[in-house]
Amino acid sequence: MSNMRLTQRIPDKDHLRREVEANINARNAKAALVNWHFTSQDARRKLARLYPRSST
């Protein structure tokens, strides 16, 4: 069921729900890790609006 292509028509809401759940379960089973590490300087650059400049 999780091999359905986007070019195929999904006949009804229940079938769509089952397809989505199957894809979520397959993705979660892979347990892929994400490396969220970044430097303070990178954070200040990317999130400038959250890091106001100090006048010191």
Protein backbone atom coordinates (compact mmCIF):
# COMPACT_ATOMS: atom_id res chain seq x y z
CA MET A 1 0.00 0.00 0.00
CA SER A 2 2.84 2.45 0.72
CA ASN A 3 4.17 2.05 -2.84
CA MET A 4 1.39 4.15 -4.32
CA ARG A 5 2.58 6.75 -6.79
CA LEU A 6 1.30 10.32 -6.88
CA THR A 7 0.10 9.73 -10.45
CA GLN A 8 -2.56 7.29 -9.21
CA ARG A 9 -5.97 8.46 -8.12
CA ILE A 10 -6.85 7.80 -4.48
CA PRO A 11 -10.46 6.64 -4.49
CA ASP A 12 -11.65 7.86 -1.08
CA LYS A 13 -10.75 9.53 2.18
CA ASP A 14 -10.24 6.26 4.08
CA HIS A 15 -7.82 4.98 1.44
CA LEU A 16 -5.90 8.28 1.60
CA ARG A 17 -5.73 8.04 5.39
CA ARG A 18 -4.32 4.49 5.17
CA GLU A 19 -1.74 5.58 2.57
CA VAL A 20 -0.59 8.50 4.71
CA GLU A 21 -0.36 6.33 7.82
CA ALA A 22 1.65 3.70 5.91
CA ASN A 23 4.08 6.35 4.66
CA ILE A 24 4.45 7.84 8.14
CA ASN A 25 5.10 4.41 9.64
CA ALA A 26 7.68 3.58 6.96
CA ARG A 27 9.46 6.90 7.50
CA ASN A 28 9.46 6.47 11.28
CA ALA A 29 10.75 2.90 10.98
CA LYS A 30 13.88 4.23 9.29
CA ALA A 31 14.63 6.26 12.46
CA ALA A 32 16.76 8.75 10.55
CA LEU A 33 18.79 11.07 12.75
CA VAL A 34 19.04 14.79 12.21
CA ASN A 35 22.10 16.81 13.16
CA TRP A 36 20.75 20.09 14.51
CA HIS A 37 24.11 21.50 15.59
CA PHE A 38 25.12 24.94 14.41
CA THR A 39 27.31 27.69 15.78
CA SER A 40 26.13 30.71 17.73
CA GLN A 41 27.32 32.90 14.89
CA ASP A 42 25.21 30.91 12.40
CA ALA A 43 22.21 31.22 14.73
CA ARG A 44 22.65 34.98 15.03
CA ARG A 45 22.91 35.31 11.26
CA LYS A 46 19.90 33.12 10.46
CA LEU A 47 17.77 34.30 13.37
CA ALA A 48 18.81 37.96 13.40
CA ARG A 49 15.34 39.17 14.28
CA LEU A 50 15.47 37.08 17.49
CA TYR A 51 18.95 38.30 18.47
CA PRO A 52 18.76 42.08 18.85
CA ARG A 53 22.05 43.95 18.63
CA SER A 54 23.38 45.32 21.88
CA SER A 55 24.88 48.80 21.92
CA THR A 56 27.90 47.93 24.10
